[in-house]
Amino acid sequence: MSLKCFYTNAGSLVQKLSELKERISTQKLDIVAVTETWGHDGISDAELAIDGFAMYRMDRTLQRGGGVILQVY
């Protein structure tokens, strides 16, 4: 068994989520790590969720920007 992993620096994941979902689908990825998600309290987990994946999210709370998400199939 082998895992297919992908890492990217998003610079605002909400704006690029459809592109990420397309990459996950076409490349059959198992683990996806994203930095610079720019997540905050105003963005719900549901907005960033990817069907079939467990999401682990940590937003930066003291200033704008930052944040990470790990999506695991």
PDB file of N, CA and C in Angstrom:
ATOM      1  N   MET A   1       0.844  -1.185   0.000  1.00  0.00           N
ATOM      2  CA  MET A   1       0.000   0.000   0.000  1.00  0.00           C
ATOM      3  C   MET A   1       0.881   1.237   0.000  1.00  0.00           C
ATOM      4  N   SER A   2       0.506   2.228  -0.768  1.00  0.00           N
ATOM      5  CA  SER A   2       1.247   3.487  -0.773  1.00  0.00           C
ATOM      6  C   SER A   2       0.267   4.644  -0.611  1.00  0.00           C
ATOM      7  N   LEU A   3       0.748   5.701  -0.001  1.00  0.00           N
ATOM      8  CA  LEU A   3      -0.060   6.903   0.205  1.00  0.00           C
ATOM      9  C   LEU A   3       0.348   7.970  -0.784  1.00  0.00           C
ATOM     10  N   LYS A   4      -0.631   8.683  -1.307  1.00  0.00           N
ATOM     11  CA  LYS A   4      -0.349   9.822  -2.180  1.00  0.00           C
ATOM     12  C   LYS A   4      -0.627  11.080  -1.378  1.00  0.00           C
ATOM     13  N   CYS A   5       0.405  11.885  -1.207  1.00  0.00           N
ATOM     14  CA  CYS A   5       0.324  13.091  -0.387  1.00  0.00           C
ATOM     15  C   CYS A   5       0.567  14.326  -1.235  1.00  0.00           C
ATOM     16  N   PHE A   6       0.004  15.440  -0.772  1.00  0.00           N
ATOM     17  CA  PHE A   6       0.164  16.712  -1.471  1.00  0.00           C
ATOM     18  C   PHE A   6       0.248  17.825  -0.438  1.00  0.00           C
ATOM     19  N   TYR A   7       1.158  18.760  -0.648  1.00  0.00           N
ATOM     20  CA  TYR A   7       1.325  19.925   0.221  1.00  0.00           C
ATOM     21  C   TYR A   7       1.271  21.177  -0.639  1.00  0.00           C
ATOM     22  N   THR A   8       0.605  22.228  -0.125  1.00  0.00           N
ATOM     23  CA  THR A   8       0.590  23.499  -0.835  1.00  0.00           C
ATOM     24  C   THR A   8       0.442  24.652   0.145  1.00  0.00           C
ATOM     25  N   ASN A   9       0.873  25.811  -0.266  1.00  0.00           N
ATOM     26  CA  ASN A   9       0.677  27.066   0.441  1.00  0.00           C
ATOM     27  C   ASN A   9      -0.424  27.794  -0.311  1.00  0.00           C
ATOM     28  N   ALA A  10      -1.593  27.931   0.312  1.00  0.00           N
ATOM     29  CA  ALA A  10      -2.775  28.421  -0.411  1.00  0.00           C
ATOM     30  C   ALA A  10      -2.854  29.932  -0.540  1.00  0.00           C
ATOM     31  N   GLY A  11      -2.501  30.665   0.499  1.00  0.00           N
ATOM     32  CA  GLY A  11      -2.726  32.112   0.459  1.00  0.00           C
ATOM     33  C   GLY A  11      -4.206  32.408   0.292  1.00  0.00           C
ATOM     34  N   SER A  12      -5.044  31.829   1.113  1.00  0.00           N
ATOM     35  CA  SER A  12      -6.502  31.939   1.154  1.00  0.00           C
ATOM     36  C   SER A  12      -7.147  30.719   0.510  1.00  0.00           C
ATOM     37  N   LEU A  13      -7.399  29.715   1.313  1.00  0.00           N
ATOM     38  CA  LEU A  13      -7.934  28.445   0.825  1.00  0.00           C
ATOM     39  C   LEU A  13      -9.356  28.568   0.292  1.00  0.00           C
ATOM     40  N   VAL A  14     -10.171  29.407   0.885  1.00  0.00           N
ATOM     41  CA  VAL A  14     -11.567  29.527   0.447  1.00  0.00           C
ATOM     42  C   VAL A  14     -11.631  29.838  -1.045  1.00  0.00           C
ATOM     43  N   GLN A  15     -10.768  30.701  -1.515  1.00  0.00           N
ATOM     44  CA  GLN A  15     -10.770  31.104  -2.928  1.00  0.00           C
ATOM     45  C   GLN A  15     -10.253  30.009  -3.847  1.00  0.00           C
ATOM     46  N   LYS A  16      -9.549  29.029  -3.294  1.00  0.00           N
ATOM     47  CA  LYS A  16      -8.913  28.005  -4.118  1.00  0.00           C
ATOM     48  C   LYS A  16      -9.417  26.601  -3.815  1.00  0.00           C
ATOM     49  N   LEU A  17     -10.483  26.493  -3.041  1.00  0.00           N
ATOM     50  CA  LEU A  17     -10.960  25.186  -2.605  1.00  0.00           C
ATOM     51  C   LEU A  17     -11.434  24.322  -3.769  1.00  0.00           C
ATOM     52  N   SER A  18     -12.108  24.883  -4.746  1.00  0.00           N
ATOM     53  CA  SER A  18     -12.582  24.071  -5.871  1.00  0.00           C
ATOM     54  C   SER A  18     -11.399  23.516  -6.667  1.00  0.00           C
ATOM     55  N   GLU A  19     -10.345  24.292  -6.810  1.00  0.00           N
ATOM     56  CA  GLU A  19      -9.136  23.814  -7.490  1.00  0.00           C
ATOM     57  C   GLU A  19      -8.491  22.667  -6.701  1.00  0.00           C
ATOM     58  N   LEU A  20      -8.457  22.796  -5.379  1.00  0.00           N
ATOM     59  CA  LEU A  20      -7.886  21.748  -4.539  1.00  0.00           C
ATOM     60  C   LEU A  20      -8.717  20.469  -4.633  1.00  0.00           C
ATOM     61  N   LYS A  21     -10.032  20.596  -4.583  1.00  0.00           N
ATOM     62  CA  LYS A  21     -10.904  19.425  -4.696  1.00  0.00           C
ATOM     63  C   LYS A  21     -10.712  18.715  -6.033  1.00  0.00           C
ATOM     64  N   GLU A  22     -10.533  19.465  -7.081  1.00  0.00           N
ATOM     65  CA  GLU A  22     -10.290  18.880  -8.413  1.00  0.00           C
ATOM     66  C   GLU A  22      -8.976  18.105  -8.422  1.00  0.00           C
ATOM     67  N   ARG A  23      -7.927  18.678  -7.824  1.00  0.00           N
ATOM     68  CA  ARG A  23      -6.623  18.006  -7.755  1.00  0.00           C
ATOM     69  C   ARG A  23      -6.733  16.707  -6.945  1.00  0.00           C
ATOM     70  N   ILE A  24      -7.450  16.760  -5.823  1.00  0.00           N
ATOM     71  CA  ILE A  24      -7.635  15.569  -4.986  1.00  0.00           C
ATOM     72  C   ILE A  24      -8.325  14.469  -5.786  1.00  0.00           C
ATOM     73  N   SER A  25      -9.338  14.835  -6.531  1.00  0.00           N
ATOM     74  CA  SER A  25     -10.100  13.866  -7.315  1.00  0.00           C
ATOM     75  C   SER A  25      -9.272  13.263  -8.446  1.00  0.00           C
ATOM     76  N   THR A  26      -8.597  14.090  -9.204  1.00  0.00           N
ATOM     77  CA  THR A  26      -7.857  13.596 -10.368  1.00  0.00           C
ATOM     78  C   THR A  26      -6.595  12.832  -9.979  1.00  0.00           C
ATOM     79  N   GLN A  27      -5.950  13.230  -8.879  1.00  0.00           N
ATOM     80  CA  GLN A  27      -4.709  12.570  -8.478  1.00  0.00           C
ATOM     81  C   GLN A  27      -4.918  11.485  -7.420  1.00  0.00           C
ATOM     82  N   LYS A  28      -6.170  11.297  -6.988  1.00  0.00           N
ATOM     83  CA  LYS A  28      -6.493  10.270  -5.981  1.00  0.00           C
ATOM     84  C   LYS A  28      -5.606  10.404  -4.745  1.00  0.00           C
ATOM     85  N   LEU A  29      -5.602  11.600  -4.150  1.00  0.00           N
ATOM     86  CA  LEU A  29      -4.749  11.891  -3.003  1.00  0.00           C
ATOM     87  C   LEU A  29      -5.338  11.338  -1.714  1.00  0.00           C
ATOM     88  N   ASP A  30      -4.450  10.927  -0.803  1.00  0.00           N
ATOM     89  CA  ASP A  30      -4.847  10.384   0.490  1.00  0.00           C
ATOM     90  C   ASP A  30      -4.672  11.397   1.626  1.00  0.00           C
ATOM     91  N   ILE A  31      -3.628  12.196   1.537  1.00  0.00           N
ATOM     92  CA  ILE A  31      -3.316  13.185   2.571  1.00  0.00           C
ATOM     93  C   ILE A  31      -3.000  14.508   1.895  1.00  0.00           C
ATOM     94  N   VAL A  32      -3.648  15.572   2.378  1.00  0.00           N
ATOM     95  CA  VAL A  32      -3.427  16.901   1.826  1.00  0.00           C
ATOM     96  C   VAL A  32      -3.120  17.860   2.970  1.00  0.00           C
ATOM     97  N   ALA A  33      -1.995  18.543   2.880  1.00  0.00           N
ATOM     98  CA  ALA A  33      -1.600  19.544   3.874  1.00  0.00           C
ATOM     99  C   ALA A  33      -1.589  20.909   3.210  1.00  0.00           C
ATOM    100  N   VAL A  34      -2.243  21.874   3.859  1.00  0.00           N
ATOM    101  CA  VAL A  34      -2.333  23.219   3.303  1.00  0.00           C
ATOM    102  C   VAL A  34      -1.914  24.227   4.366  1.00  0.00           C
ATOM    103  N   THR A  35      -0.957  25.100   4.026  1.00  0.00           N
ATOM    104  CA  THR A  35      -0.564  26.190   4.911  1.00  0.00           C
ATOM    105  C   THR A  35      -1.115  27.496   4.356  1.00  0.00           C
ATOM    106  N   GLU A  36      -1.063  28.526   5.177  1.00  0.00           N
ATOM    107  CA  GLU A  36      -1.583  29.853   4.803  1.00  0.00           C
ATOM    108  C   GLU A  36      -3.031  29.752   4.322  1.00  0.00           C
ATOM    109  N   THR A  37      -3.857  29.068   5.119  1.00  0.00           N
ATOM    110  CA  THR A  37      -5.269  28.907   4.766  1.00  0.00           C
ATOM    111  C   THR A  37      -6.056  30.203   4.953  1.00  0.00           C
ATOM    112  N   TRP A  38      -5.564  31.059   5.803  1.00  0.00           N
ATOM    113  CA  TRP A  38      -6.214  32.330   6.154  1.00  0.00           C
ATOM    114  C   TRP A  38      -7.594  32.096   6.749  1.00  0.00           C
ATOM    115  N   GLY A  39      -7.760  30.972   7.429  1.00  0.00           N
ATOM    116  CA  GLY A  39      -9.022  30.676   8.088  1.00  0.00           C
ATOM    117  C   GLY A  39      -9.230  31.567   9.305  1.00  0.00           C
ATOM    118  N   HIS A  40     -10.490  31.735   9.693  1.00  0.00           N
ATOM    119  CA  HIS A  40     -10.852  32.529  10.865  1.00  0.00           C
ATOM    120  C   HIS A  40     -12.226  32.083  11.348  1.00  0.00           C
ATOM    121  N   ASP A  41     -12.682  32.661  12.462  1.00  0.00           N
ATOM    122  CA  ASP A  41     -13.963  32.263  13.059  1.00  0.00           C
ATOM    123  C   ASP A  41     -15.147  32.415  12.119  1.00  0.00           C
ATOM    124  N   GLY A  42     -15.053  33.287  11.148  1.00  0.00           N
ATOM    125  CA  GLY A  42     -16.144  33.523  10.213  1.00  0.00           C
ATOM    126  C   GLY A  42     -16.249  32.472   9.117  1.00  0.00           C
ATOM    127  N   ILE A  43     -15.300  31.554   9.061  1.00  0.00           N
ATOM    128  CA  ILE A  43     -15.309  30.475   8.065  1.00  0.00           C
ATOM    129  C   ILE A  43     -15.566  29.169   8.813  1.00  0.00           C
ATOM    130  N   SER A  44     -16.678  28.530   8.524  1.00  0.00           N
ATOM    131  CA  SER A  44     -17.033  27.299   9.233  1.00  0.00           C
ATOM    132  C   SER A  44     -16.248  26.105   8.703  1.00  0.00           C
ATOM    133  N   ASP A  45     -16.179  25.061   9.515  1.00  0.00           N
ATOM    134  CA  ASP A  45     -15.542  23.817   9.076  1.00  0.00           C
ATOM    135  C   ASP A  45     -16.231  23.276   7.830  1.00  0.00           C
ATOM    136  N   ALA A  46     -17.546  23.417   7.770  1.00  0.00           N
ATOM    137  CA  ALA A  46     -18.309  22.903   6.623  1.00  0.00           C
ATOM    138  C   ALA A  46     -17.872  23.547   5.312  1.00  0.00           C
ATOM    139  N   GLU A  47     -17.465  24.805   5.363  1.00  0.00           N
ATOM    140  CA  GLU A  47     -17.017  25.497   4.150  1.00  0.00           C
ATOM    141  C   GLU A  47     -15.697  24.945   3.624  1.00  0.00           C
ATOM    142  N   LEU A  48     -14.895  24.356   4.499  1.00  0.00           N
ATOM    143  CA  LEU A  48     -13.573  23.857   4.115  1.00  0.00           C
ATOM    144  C   LEU A  48     -13.512  22.340   4.028  1.00  0.00           C
ATOM    145  N   ALA A  49     -14.593  21.672   4.392  1.00  0.00           N
ATOM    146  CA  ALA A  49     -14.615  20.206   4.411  1.00  0.00           C
ATOM    147  C   ALA A  49     -14.556  19.639   2.997  1.00  0.00           C
ATOM    148  N   ILE A  50     -13.945  18.475   2.891  1.00  0.00           N
ATOM    149  CA  ILE A  50     -13.878  17.741   1.632  1.00  0.00           C
ATOM    150  C   ILE A  50     -14.487  16.370   1.893  1.00  0.00           C
ATOM    151  N   ASP A  51     -15.492  15.995   1.116  1.00  0.00           N
ATOM    152  CA  ASP A  51     -16.214  14.731   1.314  1.00  0.00           C
ATOM    153  C   ASP A  51     -15.253  13.553   1.405  1.00  0.00           C
ATOM    154  N   GLY A  52     -15.447  12.728   2.429  1.00  0.00           N
ATOM    155  CA  GLY A  52     -14.656  11.533   2.613  1.00  0.00           C
ATOM    156  C   GLY A  52     -13.363  11.742   3.387  1.00  0.00           C
ATOM    157  N   PHE A  53     -13.033  12.993   3.700  1.00  0.00           N
ATOM    158  CA  PHE A  53     -11.785  13.306   4.397  1.00  0.00           C
ATOM    159  C   PHE A  53     -12.064  13.781   5.814  1.00  0.00           C
ATOM    160  N   ALA A  54     -11.179  13.395   6.731  1.00  0.00           N
ATOM    161  CA  ALA A  54     -11.183  13.961   8.081  1.00  0.00           C
ATOM    162  C   ALA A  54     -10.328  15.222   8.030  1.00  0.00           C
ATOM    163  N   MET A  55     -10.845  16.300   8.614  1.00  0.00           N
ATOM    164  CA  MET A  55     -10.138  17.576   8.550  1.00  0.00           C
ATOM    165  C   MET A  55      -9.606  17.949   9.926  1.00  0.00           C
ATOM    166  N   TYR A  56      -8.345  18.359   9.948  1.00  0.00           N
ATOM    167  CA  TYR A  56      -7.699  18.865  11.155  1.00  0.00           C
ATOM    168  C   TYR A  56      -7.261  20.288  10.837  1.00  0.00           C
ATOM    169  N   ARG A  57      -7.828  21.242  11.559  1.00  0.00           N
ATOM    170  CA  ARG A  57      -7.685  22.656  11.214  1.00  0.00           C
ATOM    171  C   ARG A  57      -7.182  23.451  12.410  1.00  0.00           C
ATOM    172  N   MET A  58      -6.259  24.369  12.147  1.00  0.00           N
ATOM    173  CA  MET A  58      -5.800  25.293  13.176  1.00  0.00           C
ATOM    174  C   MET A  58      -5.624  26.671  12.520  1.00  0.00           C
ATOM    175  N   ASP A  59      -6.481  27.603  12.923  1.00  0.00           N
ATOM    176  CA  ASP A  59      -6.410  28.964  12.403  1.00  0.00           C
ATOM    177  C   ASP A  59      -5.494  29.807  13.284  1.00  0.00           C
ATOM    178  N   ARG A  60      -4.902  30.818  12.713  1.00  0.00           N
ATOM    179  CA  ARG A  60      -4.164  31.793  13.497  1.00  0.00           C
ATOM    180  C   ARG A  60      -5.191  32.757  14.083  1.00  0.00           C
ATOM    181  N   THR A  61      -5.134  32.993  15.383  1.00  0.00           N
ATOM    182  CA  THR A  61      -6.171  33.803  16.023  1.00  0.00           C
ATOM    183  C   THR A  61      -5.723  35.211  16.389  1.00  0.00           C
ATOM    184  N   LEU A  62      -4.440  35.452  16.522  1.00  0.00           N
ATOM    185  CA  LEU A  62      -3.983  36.755  16.995  1.00  0.00           C
ATOM    186  C   LEU A  62      -3.740  37.763  15.884  1.00  0.00           C
ATOM    187  N   GLN A  63      -3.628  37.305  14.667  1.00  0.00           N
ATOM    188  CA  GLN A  63      -3.450  38.223  13.550  1.00  0.00           C
ATOM    189  C   GLN A  63      -3.978  37.583  12.278  1.00  0.00           C
ATOM    190  N   ARG A  64      -4.115  38.375  11.249  1.00  0.00           N
ATOM    191  CA  ARG A  64      -4.648  37.895   9.978  1.00  0.00           C
ATOM    192  C   ARG A  64      -3.623  37.015   9.261  1.00  0.00           C
ATOM    193  N   GLY A  65      -4.116  36.070   8.486  1.00  0.00           N
ATOM    194  CA  GLY A  65      -3.245  35.189   7.713  1.00  0.00           C
ATOM    195  C   GLY A  65      -2.927  33.926   8.481  1.00  0.00           C
ATOM    196  N   GLY A  66      -1.958  33.176   7.970  1.00  0.00           N
ATOM    197  CA  GLY A  66      -1.534  31.945   8.618  1.00  0.00           C
ATOM    198  C   GLY A  66      -2.582  30.861   8.542  1.00  0.00           C
ATOM    199  N   GLY A  67      -2.460  29.902   9.421  1.00  0.00           N
ATOM    200  CA  GLY A  67      -3.398  28.801   9.502  1.00  0.00           C
ATOM    201  C   GLY A  67      -2.968  27.593   8.677  1.00  0.00           C
ATOM    202  N   VAL A  68      -3.368  26.422   9.159  1.00  0.00           N
ATOM    203  CA  VAL A  68      -3.061  25.166   8.472  1.00  0.00           C
ATOM    204  C   VAL A  68      -4.259  24.240   8.494  1.00  0.00           C
ATOM    205  N   ILE A  69      -4.329  23.365   7.514  1.00  0.00           N
ATOM    206  CA  ILE A  69      -5.341  22.312   7.466  1.00  0.00           C
ATOM    207  C   ILE A  69      -4.667  21.043   6.972  1.00  0.00           C
ATOM    208  N   LEU A  70      -5.022  19.944   7.604  1.00  0.00           N
ATOM    209  CA  LEU A  70      -4.596  18.631   7.155  1.00  0.00           C
ATOM    210  C   LEU A  70      -5.874  17.851   6.841  1.00  0.00           C
ATOM    211  N   GLN A  71      -5.977  17.371   5.623  1.00  0.00           N
ATOM    212  CA  GLN A  71      -7.119  16.565   5.179  1.00  0.00           C
ATOM    213  C   GLN A  71      -6.619  15.134   4.986  1.00  0.00           C
ATOM    214  N   VAL A  72      -7.245  14.184   5.670  1.00  0.00           N
ATOM    215  CA  VAL A  72      -6.788  12.799   5.619  1.00  0.00           C
ATOM    216  C   VAL A  72      -7.954  11.905   5.177  1.00  0.00           C
ATOM    217  N   TYR A  73      -7.722  11.117   4.151  1.00  0.00           N
ATOM    218  CA  TYR A  73      -8.764  10.212   3.629  1.00  0.00           C
ATOM    219  C   TYR A  73      -8.857   8.973   4.456  1.00  0.00           C
TER     220      TYR A  73
END
